[in-house]
Amino acid sequence: MNDTNEEFLNEFYGPTAQWFSLFLYIMVILILSSNMFLIVIILTSKNLRNKSSNWFLVGFAMSGFLHGVAHVSDGVAIQFGSADNGLLCSIAGSFHFITGANSFGFPLLIAADRYYKITDPQPNTFSLGHTLFTDVCIVPLIFGWFCFVILFNMPLLLNNAFGEDTVGFCGIKKFTEVRIMLMYLCVIVIAFAALPLSYVYYKRLAKWIKQNRRSNNAENRKRTKEIMLMIKLIVIVPLVFNTTSLLLGWGQAFFPEMPMWLRRILISPYYVSNVVDPWLTIILVQPIRRRALQLLRKFKATASVSVQRAPVRISVIKDELFRPTAAAKPR
């Protein structure tokens, strides 16, 4: 079994656990609200809902939302767990790692879907790519990716490898066995394999835009450029913010021992990418941005009407309270 030493556990559940749990809860609010806003934008618009490609964006937001829920379990496990009871952290760690790995596949799915939709929507010969990204296969493909991630995490689950980890949150336990570390690296490599594949489809889309620069389909080119910029950023942003925590996890055998408060400060940027990703989609993709502004204007108008009606209601209540009753009238 992959056990951690008592000194590490006492530090893990020590004084830093309280403020780090509070930080997690704050980040959870931001992660859940931003991803839920993107889901609401797409599901409440018939035009956005009817475009099958947008369901990949819904899946991406769902993976971010579930990862935010996993951070709730992280906070609870760190705050209420102890060196003698690591069960909470073990459960939270498995949920945390699986939901985190899910998000790496969606830039690939979004890029590949766009490529097959615009380059040759109806090929004359059989194409596995075109078949996988037809409208009827979108939801099964998303569900299949979630199952794929769970399947490749099974070796770690069966070896009780989730729990109090070396960088200060519930994830992969501090490595004491080479085989556990190799399992972890295998899962990470498989998840990260989606990133270079995303780049392949990104280059194919760039080539298509260059070849169709003078075509009449300006709308397709514009939308493709927006999606390409979004893909680029949703790949780069997590890599920038997650690099420190990944390095601390991979290189724990080589880095010198650090106090827990420093580890937790160093990994704090890890939580930012789940907040930023849905906003990148909202800002960069014009139909989604337009719908978001429409919802915000509607919310603002509703709030304004409520504020305007409030004084009227107060004055009516005041008149009712101080109106003389029949008994109080002079005879």
C-alpha atoms as a PDB file:
ATOM      1  CA  MET A   1       0.000   0.000   0.000  1.00  0.00           C
ATOM      2  CA  ASN A   2       1.071   3.584  -0.616  1.00  0.00           C
ATOM      3  CA  ASP A   3       1.362   4.900   2.955  1.00  0.00           C
ATOM      4  CA  THR A   4       2.564   8.326   4.017  1.00  0.00           C
ATOM      5  CA  ASN A   5       4.595   9.027   7.142  1.00  0.00           C
ATOM      6  CA  GLU A   6       3.074  10.390  10.335  1.00  0.00           C
ATOM      7  CA  GLU A   7       5.037  13.643  10.258  1.00  0.00           C
ATOM      8  CA  PHE A   8       3.748  14.470   6.776  1.00  0.00           C
ATOM      9  CA  LEU A   9       0.135  13.725   7.777  1.00  0.00           C
ATOM     10  CA  ASN A  10       0.356  15.886  10.900  1.00  0.00           C
ATOM     11  CA  GLU A  11       1.604  18.741   8.721  1.00  0.00           C
ATOM     12  CA  PHE A  12      -1.021  18.028   6.053  1.00  0.00           C
ATOM     13  CA  TYR A  13      -3.878  18.328   8.569  1.00  0.00           C
ATOM     14  CA  GLY A  14      -2.045  20.971  10.619  1.00  0.00           C
ATOM     15  CA  PRO A  15      -2.601  24.740  10.998  1.00  0.00           C
ATOM     16  CA  THR A  16      -2.586  25.454   7.247  1.00  0.00           C
ATOM     17  CA  ALA A  17      -5.620  23.193   6.705  1.00  0.00           C
ATOM     18  CA  GLN A  18      -8.073  25.823   7.996  1.00  0.00           C
ATOM     19  CA  TRP A  19      -7.079  28.757   5.779  1.00  0.00           C
ATOM     20  CA  PHE A  20      -6.504  26.494   2.785  1.00  0.00           C
ATOM     21  CA  SER A  21     -10.019  25.040   3.160  1.00  0.00           C
ATOM     22  CA  LEU A  22     -11.448  28.572   3.210  1.00  0.00           C
ATOM     23  CA  PHE A  23      -9.488  29.397   0.055  1.00  0.00           C
ATOM     24  CA  LEU A  24     -10.886  26.248  -1.602  1.00  0.00           C
ATOM     25  CA  TYR A  25     -14.477  27.205  -0.766  1.00  0.00           C
ATOM     26  CA  ILE A  26     -13.995  30.678  -2.290  1.00  0.00           C
ATOM     27  CA  MET A  27     -12.538  29.184  -5.471  1.00  0.00           C
ATOM     28  CA  VAL A  28     -15.380  26.652  -5.603  1.00  0.00           C
ATOM     29  CA  ILE A  29     -17.966  29.465  -5.720  1.00  0.00           C
ATOM     30  CA  LEU A  30     -16.112  31.078  -8.639  1.00  0.00           C
ATOM     31  CA  ILE A  31     -15.630  27.774 -10.499  1.00  0.00           C
ATOM     32  CA  LEU A  32     -19.230  26.597 -10.117  1.00  0.00           C
ATOM     33  CA  SER A  33     -20.788  29.960 -11.017  1.00  0.00           C
ATOM     34  CA  SER A  34     -18.639  30.573 -14.123  1.00  0.00           C
ATOM     35  CA  ASN A  35     -19.139  27.070 -15.535  1.00  0.00           C
ATOM     36  CA  MET A  36     -22.845  27.070 -14.734  1.00  0.00           C
ATOM     37  CA  PHE A  37     -23.225  30.427 -16.487  1.00  0.00           C
ATOM     38  CA  LEU A  38     -21.744  28.961 -19.686  1.00  0.00           C
ATOM     39  CA  ILE A  39     -24.087  25.948 -19.461  1.00  0.00           C
ATOM     40  CA  VAL A  40     -27.112  28.214 -18.939  1.00  0.00           C
ATOM     41  CA  ILE A  41     -26.106  30.410 -21.893  1.00  0.00           C
ATOM     42  CA  ILE A  42     -26.093  27.446 -24.278  1.00  0.00           C
ATOM     43  CA  LEU A  43     -29.072  25.494 -22.923  1.00  0.00           C
ATOM     44  CA  THR A  44     -31.416  28.507 -22.778  1.00  0.00           C
ATOM     45  CA  SER A  45     -30.810  29.450 -26.423  1.00  0.00           C
ATOM     46  CA  LYS A  46     -32.539  27.348 -29.080  1.00  0.00           C
ATOM     47  CA  ASN A  47     -30.037  28.415 -31.749  1.00  0.00           C
ATOM     48  CA  LEU A  48     -27.037  27.424 -29.617  1.00  0.00           C
ATOM     49  CA  ARG A  49     -28.709  24.229 -28.406  1.00  0.00           C
ATOM     50  CA  ASN A  50     -29.472  23.040 -31.930  1.00  0.00           C
ATOM     51  CA  LYS A  51     -25.809  23.206 -33.008  1.00  0.00           C
ATOM     52  CA  SER A  52     -24.332  19.866 -32.037  1.00  0.00           C
ATOM     53  CA  SER A  53     -20.806  21.291 -31.725  1.00  0.00           C
ATOM     54  CA  ASN A  54     -21.902  23.407 -28.771  1.00  0.00           C
ATOM     55  CA  TRP A  55     -22.540  20.250 -26.766  1.00  0.00           C
ATOM     56  CA  PHE A  56     -18.775  19.806 -26.540  1.00  0.00           C
ATOM     57  CA  LEU A  57     -18.683  23.209 -24.847  1.00  0.00           C
ATOM     58  CA  VAL A  58     -21.419  22.020 -22.472  1.00  0.00           C
ATOM     59  CA  GLY A  59     -19.360  18.892 -21.747  1.00  0.00           C
ATOM     60  CA  PHE A  60     -16.276  21.024 -21.138  1.00  0.00           C
ATOM     61  CA  ALA A  61     -18.216  23.238 -18.721  1.00  0.00           C
ATOM     62  CA  MET A  62     -19.649  20.147 -17.004  1.00  0.00           C
ATOM     63  CA  SER A  63     -16.147  18.750 -16.444  1.00  0.00           C
ATOM     64  CA  GLY A  64     -15.111  22.088 -14.913  1.00  0.00           C
ATOM     65  CA  PHE A  65     -18.267  22.142 -12.776  1.00  0.00           C
ATOM     66  CA  LEU A  66     -17.637  18.596 -11.504  1.00  0.00           C
ATOM     67  CA  HIS A  67     -14.023  19.513 -10.745  1.00  0.00           C
ATOM     68  CA  GLY A  68     -15.366  22.424  -8.686  1.00  0.00           C
ATOM     69  CA  VAL A  69     -17.566  19.961  -6.759  1.00  0.00           C
ATOM     70  CA  ALA A  70     -14.449  17.845  -6.200  1.00  0.00           C
ATOM     71  CA  HIS A  71     -12.773  20.878  -4.616  1.00  0.00           C
ATOM     72  CA  VAL A  72     -15.670  21.041  -2.122  1.00  0.00           C
ATOM     73  CA  SER A  73     -14.844  17.496  -1.068  1.00  0.00           C
ATOM     74  CA  ASP A  74     -11.151  18.495  -0.895  1.00  0.00           C
ATOM     75  CA  GLY A  75     -11.953  21.325   1.493  1.00  0.00           C
ATOM     76  CA  VAL A  76     -14.160  19.141   3.698  1.00  0.00           C
ATOM     77  CA  ALA A  77     -11.559  16.328   3.787  1.00  0.00           C
ATOM     78  CA  ILE A  78      -8.671  18.661   4.665  1.00  0.00           C
ATOM     79  CA  GLN A  79     -10.695  20.532   7.285  1.00  0.00           C
ATOM     80  CA  PHE A  80     -12.307  17.565   9.029  1.00  0.00           C
ATOM     81  CA  GLY A  81      -9.906  14.721   8.262  1.00  0.00           C
ATOM     82  CA  SER A  82      -6.967  13.721  10.437  1.00  0.00           C
ATOM     83  CA  ALA A  83      -3.782  11.677  10.430  1.00  0.00           C
ATOM     84  CA  ASP A  84      -5.805   8.798  11.906  1.00  0.00           C
ATOM     85  CA  ASN A  85      -8.688   9.066   9.433  1.00  0.00           C
ATOM     86  CA  GLY A  86      -7.703   9.638   5.798  1.00  0.00           C
ATOM     87  CA  LEU A  87     -10.844   8.102   4.277  1.00  0.00           C
ATOM     88  CA  LEU A  88     -12.393  11.472   3.429  1.00  0.00           C
ATOM     89  CA  CYS A  89      -9.237  12.564   1.634  1.00  0.00           C
ATOM     90  CA  SER A  90      -8.996   9.260  -0.219  1.00  0.00           C
ATOM     91  CA  ILE A  91     -12.550   9.644  -1.581  1.00  0.00           C
ATOM     92  CA  ALA A  92     -11.996  13.319  -2.407  1.00  0.00           C
ATOM     93  CA  GLY A  93      -8.666  12.537  -4.069  1.00  0.00           C
ATOM     94  CA  SER A  94     -10.143  10.016  -6.496  1.00  0.00           C
ATOM     95  CA  PHE A  95     -12.946  12.418  -7.453  1.00  0.00           C
ATOM     96  CA  HIS A  96     -10.475  15.303  -7.750  1.00  0.00           C
ATOM     97  CA  PHE A  97      -8.034  13.506 -10.040  1.00  0.00           C
ATOM     98  CA  ILE A  98     -10.639  11.913 -12.319  1.00  0.00           C
ATOM     99  CA  THR A  99     -12.581  15.163 -12.881  1.00  0.00           C
ATOM    100  CA  GLY A 100      -9.328  17.084 -13.397  1.00  0.00           C
ATOM    101  CA  ALA A 101      -8.095  14.690 -16.090  1.00  0.00           C
ATOM    102  CA  ASN A 102     -11.439  14.931 -17.935  1.00  0.00           C
ATOM    103  CA  SER A 103     -10.889  18.526 -18.984  1.00  0.00           C
ATOM    104  CA  PHE A 104      -7.735  17.748 -21.009  1.00  0.00           C
ATOM    105  CA  GLY A 105      -9.712  15.903 -23.698  1.00  0.00           C
ATOM    106  CA  PHE A 106     -12.157  18.654 -24.622  1.00  0.00           C
ATOM    107  CA  PRO A 107      -9.803  20.959 -26.581  1.00  0.00           C
ATOM    108  CA  LEU A 108      -9.100  17.943 -28.826  1.00  0.00           C
ATOM    109  CA  LEU A 109     -12.797  17.105 -29.207  1.00  0.00           C
ATOM    110  CA  ILE A 110     -13.700  20.723 -29.997  1.00  0.00           C
ATOM    111  CA  ALA A 111     -10.871  21.130 -32.551  1.00  0.00           C
ATOM    112  CA  ALA A 112     -11.533  17.783 -34.265  1.00  0.00           C
ATOM    113  CA  ASP A 113     -15.277  18.436 -34.419  1.00  0.00           C
ATOM    114  CA  ARG A 114     -14.726  21.825 -36.071  1.00  0.00           C
ATOM    115  CA  TYR A 115     -12.285  20.324 -38.562  1.00  0.00           C
ATOM    116  CA  TYR A 116     -14.599  17.521 -39.687  1.00  0.00           C
ATOM    117  CA  LYS A 117     -17.640  19.815 -39.798  1.00  0.00           C
ATOM    118  CA  ILE A 118     -16.153  22.436 -42.133  1.00  0.00           C
ATOM    119  CA  THR A 119     -13.530  20.696 -44.305  1.00  0.00           C
ATOM    120  CA  ASP A 120     -15.615  17.921 -45.837  1.00  0.00           C
ATOM    121  CA  PRO A 121     -18.987  17.503 -44.090  1.00  0.00           C
ATOM    122  CA  GLN A 122     -20.102  14.685 -46.455  1.00  0.00           C
ATOM    123  CA  PRO A 123     -17.073  12.646 -47.634  1.00  0.00           C
ATOM    124  CA  ASN A 124     -17.524  10.198 -50.507  1.00  0.00           C
ATOM    125  CA  THR A 125     -15.567   7.450 -48.737  1.00  0.00           C
ATOM    126  CA  PHE A 126     -15.784   6.095 -45.197  1.00  0.00           C
ATOM    127  CA  SER A 127     -13.977   8.216 -42.629  1.00  0.00           C
ATOM    128  CA  LEU A 128     -13.792   7.241 -38.962  1.00  0.00           C
ATOM    129  CA  GLY A 129     -13.310  10.877 -37.941  1.00  0.00           C
ATOM    130  CA  HIS A 130     -16.372  12.082 -39.850  1.00  0.00           C
ATOM    131  CA  THR A 131     -18.406   9.177 -38.453  1.00  0.00           C
ATOM    132  CA  LEU A 132     -17.404   9.869 -34.837  1.00  0.00           C
ATOM    133  CA  PHE A 133     -18.240  13.560 -35.098  1.00  0.00           C
ATOM    134  CA  THR A 134     -21.684  13.253 -36.665  1.00  0.00           C
ATOM    135  CA  ASP A 135     -24.540  14.820 -34.704  1.00  0.00           C
ATOM    136  CA  VAL A 136     -25.843  11.509 -33.341  1.00  0.00           C
ATOM    137  CA  CYS A 137     -22.419  10.564 -31.922  1.00  0.00           C
ATOM    138  CA  ILE A 138     -21.680  13.796 -30.026  1.00  0.00           C
ATOM    139  CA  VAL A 139     -23.227  12.865 -26.664  1.00  0.00           C
ATOM    140  CA  PRO A 140     -21.951   9.223 -26.740  1.00  0.00           C
ATOM    141  CA  LEU A 141     -18.479  10.571 -27.586  1.00  0.00           C
ATOM    142  CA  ILE A 142     -18.528  12.907 -24.570  1.00  0.00           C
ATOM    143  CA  PHE A 143     -19.810  10.132 -22.308  1.00  0.00           C
ATOM    144  CA  GLY A 144     -17.185   7.776 -23.726  1.00  0.00           C
ATOM    145  CA  TRP A 145     -14.383  10.209 -22.870  1.00  0.00           C
ATOM    146  CA  PHE A 146     -15.578  10.420 -19.252  1.00  0.00           C
ATOM    147  CA  CYS A 147     -15.644   6.594 -19.056  1.00  0.00           C
ATOM    148  CA  PHE A 148     -12.196   6.395 -20.672  1.00  0.00           C
ATOM    149  CA  VAL A 149     -10.680   8.619 -17.975  1.00  0.00           C
ATOM    150  CA  ILE A 150     -12.285   6.574 -15.182  1.00  0.00           C
ATOM    151  CA  LEU A 151     -11.049   3.321 -16.758  1.00  0.00           C
ATOM    152  CA  PHE A 152      -7.435   4.503 -16.888  1.00  0.00           C
ATOM    153  CA  ASN A 153      -7.623   5.637 -13.264  1.00  0.00           C
ATOM    154  CA  MET A 154      -8.757   2.192 -12.101  1.00  0.00           C
ATOM    155  CA  PRO A 155      -5.191   0.940 -11.344  1.00  0.00           C
ATOM    156  CA  LEU A 156      -4.697   3.865  -8.972  1.00  0.00           C
ATOM    157  CA  LEU A 157      -8.136   3.336  -7.429  1.00  0.00           C
ATOM    158  CA  LEU A 158      -7.496  -0.372  -6.860  1.00  0.00           C
ATOM    159  CA  ASN A 159      -4.128   0.358  -5.260  1.00  0.00           C
ATOM    160  CA  ASN A 160      -5.523   2.957  -2.824  1.00  0.00           C
ATOM    161  CA  ALA A 161      -3.231   5.588  -4.353  1.00  0.00           C
ATOM    162  CA  PHE A 162      -5.519   8.578  -3.774  1.00  0.00           C
ATOM    163  CA  GLY A 163      -5.345  10.638  -0.614  1.00  0.00           C
ATOM    164  CA  GLU A 164      -3.014  13.129   1.080  1.00  0.00           C
ATOM    165  CA  ASP A 165      -0.609  14.199  -1.627  1.00  0.00           C
ATOM    166  CA  THR A 166       2.751  15.862  -1.628  1.00  0.00           C
ATOM    167  CA  VAL A 167       1.584  19.287  -2.834  1.00  0.00           C
ATOM    168  CA  GLY A 168      -1.028  19.858  -0.191  1.00  0.00           C
ATOM    169  CA  PHE A 169      -4.435  18.897  -1.568  1.00  0.00           C
ATOM    170  CA  CYS A 170      -6.294  15.585  -1.790  1.00  0.00           C
ATOM    171  CA  GLY A 171      -4.977  13.872  -4.926  1.00  0.00           C
ATOM    172  CA  ILE A 172      -2.293  11.260  -5.518  1.00  0.00           C
ATOM    173  CA  LYS A 173      -0.675  10.172  -2.260  1.00  0.00           C
ATOM    174  CA  LYS A 174       2.949  10.867  -1.496  1.00  0.00           C
ATOM    175  CA  PHE A 175       4.836   8.201  -3.477  1.00  0.00           C
ATOM    176  CA  THR A 176       6.566   5.457  -1.508  1.00  0.00           C
ATOM    177  CA  GLU A 177       6.522   2.849  -4.290  1.00  0.00           C
ATOM    178  CA  VAL A 178       7.906   3.087  -7.816  1.00  0.00           C
ATOM    179  CA  ARG A 179       5.009   1.148  -9.336  1.00  0.00           C
ATOM    180  CA  ILE A 180       2.459   3.630  -7.959  1.00  0.00           C
ATOM    181  CA  MET A 181       4.418   6.530  -9.399  1.00  0.00           C
ATOM    182  CA  LEU A 182       4.584   4.748 -12.768  1.00  0.00           C
ATOM    183  CA  MET A 183       0.798   4.256 -12.711  1.00  0.00           C
ATOM    184  CA  TYR A 184       0.374   7.949 -11.997  1.00  0.00           C
ATOM    185  CA  LEU A 185       2.730   8.939 -14.820  1.00  0.00           C
ATOM    186  CA  CYS A 186       0.919   6.587 -17.197  1.00  0.00           C
ATOM    187  CA  VAL A 187      -2.441   8.264 -16.471  1.00  0.00           C
ATOM    188  CA  ILE A 188      -0.921  11.734 -16.853  1.00  0.00           C
ATOM    189  CA  VAL A 189       0.738  10.839 -20.176  1.00  0.00           C
ATOM    190  CA  ILE A 190      -2.529   9.431 -21.550  1.00  0.00           C
ATOM    191  CA  ALA A 191      -4.471  12.537 -20.468  1.00  0.00           C
ATOM    192  CA  PHE A 192      -1.825  14.894 -21.843  1.00  0.00           C
ATOM    193  CA  ALA A 193      -1.681  13.000 -25.164  1.00  0.00           C
ATOM    194  CA  ALA A 194      -4.831  14.914 -26.112  1.00  0.00           C
ATOM    195  CA  LEU A 195      -2.885  18.200 -26.139  1.00  0.00           C
ATOM    196  CA  PRO A 196      -0.500  17.433 -29.056  1.00  0.00           C
ATOM    197  CA  LEU A 197      -3.451  15.926 -30.946  1.00  0.00           C
ATOM    198  CA  SER A 198      -5.294  19.209 -30.387  1.00  0.00           C
ATOM    199  CA  TYR A 199      -2.339  20.963 -31.987  1.00  0.00           C
ATOM    200  CA  VAL A 200      -2.568  18.657 -35.045  1.00  0.00           C
ATOM    201  CA  TYR A 201      -6.197  19.657 -35.651  1.00  0.00           C
ATOM    202  CA  TYR A 202      -5.354  23.283 -34.887  1.00  0.00           C
ATOM    203  CA  LYS A 203      -2.777  23.244 -37.696  1.00  0.00           C
ATOM    204  CA  ARG A 204      -5.262  21.563 -40.045  1.00  0.00           C
ATOM    205  CA  LEU A 205      -7.814  24.292 -39.317  1.00  0.00           C
ATOM    206  CA  ALA A 206      -5.176  26.967 -39.940  1.00  0.00           C
ATOM    207  CA  LYS A 207      -4.360  25.328 -43.274  1.00  0.00           C
ATOM    208  CA  TRP A 208      -8.050  25.247 -44.227  1.00  0.00           C
ATOM    209  CA  ILE A 209      -8.450  28.955 -43.434  1.00  0.00           C
ATOM    210  CA  LYS A 210      -5.420  29.786 -45.565  1.00  0.00           C
ATOM    211  CA  GLN A 211      -6.731  27.733 -48.493  1.00  0.00           C
ATOM    212  CA  ASN A 212     -10.229  29.261 -48.256  1.00  0.00           C
ATOM    213  CA  ARG A 213      -9.153  32.850 -47.696  1.00  0.00           C
ATOM    214  CA  ARG A 214     -10.894  34.034 -50.863  1.00  0.00           C
ATOM    215  CA  SER A 215     -14.008  31.903 -50.600  1.00  0.00           C
ATOM    216  CA  ASN A 216     -17.454  33.371 -50.047  1.00  0.00           C
ATOM    217  CA  ASN A 217     -18.017  31.579 -46.751  1.00  0.00           C
ATOM    218  CA  ALA A 218     -16.714  34.396 -44.533  1.00  0.00           C
ATOM    219  CA  GLU A 219     -18.937  33.363 -41.617  1.00  0.00           C
ATOM    220  CA  ASN A 220     -17.354  29.900 -41.401  1.00  0.00           C
ATOM    221  CA  ARG A 221     -13.857  31.379 -41.498  1.00  0.00           C
ATOM    222  CA  LYS A 222     -14.681  33.915 -38.802  1.00  0.00           C
ATOM    223  CA  ARG A 223     -16.244  31.324 -36.500  1.00  0.00           C
ATOM    224  CA  THR A 224     -13.325  28.935 -37.061  1.00  0.00           C
ATOM    225  CA  LYS A 225     -10.815  31.652 -36.139  1.00  0.00           C
ATOM    226  CA  GLU A 226     -12.742  32.353 -32.924  1.00  0.00           C
ATOM    227  CA  ILE A 227     -12.763  28.653 -32.004  1.00  0.00           C
ATOM    228  CA  MET A 228      -9.051  28.314 -32.832  1.00  0.00           C
ATOM    229  CA  LEU A 229      -8.166  31.219 -30.528  1.00  0.00           C
ATOM    230  CA  MET A 230     -10.355  29.729 -27.790  1.00  0.00           C
ATOM    231  CA  ILE A 231      -8.666  26.303 -28.189  1.00  0.00           C
ATOM    232  CA  LYS A 232      -5.221  27.889 -28.032  1.00  0.00           C
ATOM    233  CA  LEU A 233      -6.016  29.705 -24.796  1.00  0.00           C
ATOM    234  CA  ILE A 234      -7.847  26.870 -23.033  1.00  0.00           C
ATOM    235  CA  VAL A 235      -4.752  24.726 -23.662  1.00  0.00           C
ATOM    236  CA  ILE A 236      -2.181  27.360 -22.680  1.00  0.00           C
ATOM    237  CA  VAL A 237      -3.958  28.724 -19.568  1.00  0.00           C
ATOM    238  CA  PRO A 238      -4.121  25.356 -17.691  1.00  0.00           C
ATOM    239  CA  LEU A 239      -0.517  24.579 -18.636  1.00  0.00           C
ATOM    240  CA  VAL A 240       0.621  27.909 -17.177  1.00  0.00           C
ATOM    241  CA  PHE A 241      -1.418  27.688 -13.979  1.00  0.00           C
ATOM    242  CA  ASN A 242      -1.029  23.924 -13.393  1.00  0.00           C
ATOM    243  CA  THR A 243       2.688  23.560 -14.111  1.00  0.00           C
ATOM    244  CA  THR A 244       3.823  24.129 -10.522  1.00  0.00           C
ATOM    245  CA  SER A 245       1.505  21.527  -9.008  1.00  0.00           C
ATOM    246  CA  LEU A 246       2.398  19.001 -11.730  1.00  0.00           C
ATOM    247  CA  LEU A 247       6.118  19.542 -11.189  1.00  0.00           C
ATOM    248  CA  LEU A 248       5.730  19.146  -7.436  1.00  0.00           C
ATOM    249  CA  GLY A 249       3.797  15.912  -7.985  1.00  0.00           C
ATOM    250  CA  TRP A 250       6.130  14.396 -10.568  1.00  0.00           C
ATOM    251  CA  GLY A 251       9.364  15.543  -8.976  1.00  0.00           C
ATOM    252  CA  GLN A 252       8.581  14.936  -5.319  1.00  0.00           C
ATOM    253  CA  ALA A 253      11.444  12.436  -5.115  1.00  0.00           C
ATOM    254  CA  PHE A 254      13.925  15.055  -6.329  1.00  0.00           C
ATOM    255  CA  PHE A 255      12.725  18.331  -4.773  1.00  0.00           C
ATOM    256  CA  PRO A 256      13.833  19.242  -1.243  1.00  0.00           C
ATOM    257  CA  GLU A 257      11.278  19.096   1.550  1.00  0.00           C
ATOM    258  CA  MET A 258       9.167  22.264   1.790  1.00  0.00           C
ATOM    259  CA  PRO A 259       6.844  23.399   4.554  1.00  0.00           C
ATOM    260  CA  MET A 260       3.155  22.740   3.888  1.00  0.00           C
ATOM    261  CA  TRP A 261       2.219  26.439   3.861  1.00  0.00           C
ATOM    262  CA  LEU A 262       4.687  27.038   0.989  1.00  0.00           C
ATOM    263  CA  ARG A 263       3.403  24.049  -0.976  1.00  0.00           C
ATOM    264  CA  ARG A 264      -0.158  25.259  -0.665  1.00  0.00           C
ATOM    265  CA  ILE A 265       0.736  28.779  -1.757  1.00  0.00           C
ATOM    266  CA  LEU A 266       2.618  27.411  -4.775  1.00  0.00           C
ATOM    267  CA  ILE A 267      -0.338  25.330  -5.954  1.00  0.00           C
ATOM    268  CA  SER A 268      -2.947  28.083  -5.458  1.00  0.00           C
ATOM    269  CA  PRO A 269      -2.848  29.124  -9.181  1.00  0.00           C
ATOM    270  CA  TYR A 270      -3.970  25.583 -10.057  1.00  0.00           C
ATOM    271  CA  TYR A 271      -7.569  26.529  -9.264  1.00  0.00           C
ATOM    272  CA  VAL A 272      -7.623  29.583 -11.526  1.00  0.00           C
ATOM    273  CA  SER A 273      -7.849  27.788 -14.877  1.00  0.00           C
ATOM    274  CA  ASN A 274     -11.261  26.265 -14.060  1.00  0.00           C
ATOM    275  CA  VAL A 275     -12.550  29.790 -13.402  1.00  0.00           C
ATOM    276  CA  VAL A 276     -10.985  31.302 -16.532  1.00  0.00           C
ATOM    277  CA  ASP A 277     -11.812  28.615 -19.150  1.00  0.00           C
ATOM    278  CA  PRO A 278     -15.598  29.219 -19.397  1.00  0.00           C
ATOM    279  CA  TRP A 279     -15.071  32.986 -19.591  1.00  0.00           C
ATOM    280  CA  LEU A 280     -12.622  32.539 -22.459  1.00  0.00           C
ATOM    281  CA  THR A 281     -15.349  30.663 -24.328  1.00  0.00           C
ATOM    282  CA  ILE A 282     -17.978  33.293 -23.517  1.00  0.00           C
ATOM    283  CA  ILE A 283     -15.778  36.220 -24.551  1.00  0.00           C
ATOM    284  CA  LEU A 284     -14.186  34.754 -27.694  1.00  0.00           C
ATOM    285  CA  VAL A 285     -17.095  32.958 -29.439  1.00  0.00           C
ATOM    286  CA  GLN A 286     -19.448  35.619 -30.810  1.00  0.00           C
ATOM    287  CA  PRO A 287     -22.826  33.745 -30.705  1.00  0.00           C
ATOM    288  CA  ILE A 288     -22.175  32.762 -27.078  1.00  0.00           C
ATOM    289  CA  ARG A 289     -20.995  36.276 -26.201  1.00  0.00           C
ATOM    290  CA  ARG A 290     -24.119  37.753 -27.777  1.00  0.00           C
ATOM    291  CA  ARG A 291     -26.367  35.414 -25.779  1.00  0.00           C
ATOM    292  CA  ALA A 292     -24.470  36.178 -22.560  1.00  0.00           C
ATOM    293  CA  LEU A 293     -24.972  39.927 -23.051  1.00  0.00           C
ATOM    294  CA  GLN A 294     -28.648  39.324 -23.770  1.00  0.00           C
ATOM    295  CA  LEU A 295     -29.071  37.388 -20.502  1.00  0.00           C
ATOM    296  CA  LEU A 296     -27.165  40.024 -18.538  1.00  0.00           C
ATOM    297  CA  ARG A 297     -29.331  42.824 -19.989  1.00  0.00           C
ATOM    298  CA  LYS A 298     -32.469  40.854 -19.152  1.00  0.00           C
ATOM    299  CA  PHE A 299     -31.234  40.297 -15.592  1.00  0.00           C
ATOM    300  CA  LYS A 300     -30.348  43.989 -15.240  1.00  0.00           C
ATOM    301  CA  ALA A 301     -33.796  45.031 -16.506  1.00  0.00           C
ATOM    302  CA  THR A 302     -35.527  42.638 -14.084  1.00  0.00           C
ATOM    303  CA  ALA A 303     -33.446  43.916 -11.178  1.00  0.00           C
ATOM    304  CA  SER A 304     -34.199  47.537 -12.149  1.00  0.00           C
ATOM    305  CA  VAL A 305     -37.964  46.890 -12.258  1.00  0.00           C
ATOM    306  CA  SER A 306     -37.784  45.183  -8.830  1.00  0.00           C
ATOM    307  CA  VAL A 307     -35.957  48.169  -7.331  1.00  0.00           C
ATOM    308  CA  GLN A 308     -38.478  50.614  -8.822  1.00  0.00           C
ATOM    309  CA  ARG A 309     -41.428  48.662  -7.421  1.00  0.00           C
ATOM    310  CA  ALA A 310     -39.946  48.338  -3.942  1.00  0.00           C
ATOM    311  CA  PRO A 311     -40.703  51.943  -2.760  1.00  0.00           C
ATOM    312  CA  VAL A 312     -44.289  51.607  -4.004  1.00  0.00           C
ATOM    313  CA  ARG A 313     -44.784  48.450  -1.963  1.00  0.00           C
ATOM    314  CA  ILE A 314     -43.229  50.077   1.098  1.00  0.00           C
ATOM    315  CA  SER A 315     -45.506  53.119   0.838  1.00  0.00           C
ATOM    316  CA  VAL A 316     -48.575  50.876   0.434  1.00  0.00           C
ATOM    317  CA  ILE A 317     -47.591  48.887   3.540  1.00  0.00           C
ATOM    318  CA  LYS A 318     -46.973  52.142   5.436  1.00  0.00           C
ATOM    319  CA  ASP A 319     -50.426  53.481   4.485  1.00  0.00           C
ATOM    320  CA  GLU A 320     -52.059  50.233   5.577  1.00  0.00           C
ATOM    321  CA  LEU A 321     -50.279  50.274   8.940  1.00  0.00           C
ATOM    322  CA  PHE A 322     -51.109  53.857   9.801  1.00  0.00           C
ATOM    323  CA  ARG A 323     -54.597  54.109   8.283  1.00  0.00           C
ATOM    324  CA  PRO A 324     -57.114  54.896  11.084  1.00  0.00           C
ATOM    325  CA  THR A 325     -59.498  52.046  11.799  1.00  0.00           C
ATOM    326  CA  ALA A 326     -63.244  52.382  12.179  1.00  0.00           C
ATOM    327  CA  ALA A 327     -62.908  52.093  15.979  1.00  0.00           C
ATOM    328  CA  ALA A 328     -60.373  54.874  16.119  1.00  0.00           C
ATOM    329  CA  LYS A 329     -62.528  57.403  14.213  1.00  0.00           C
ATOM    330  CA  PRO A 330     -64.053  60.168  16.373  1.00  0.00           C
ATOM    331  CA  ARG A 331     -67.781  59.902  16.937  1.00  0.00           C
END
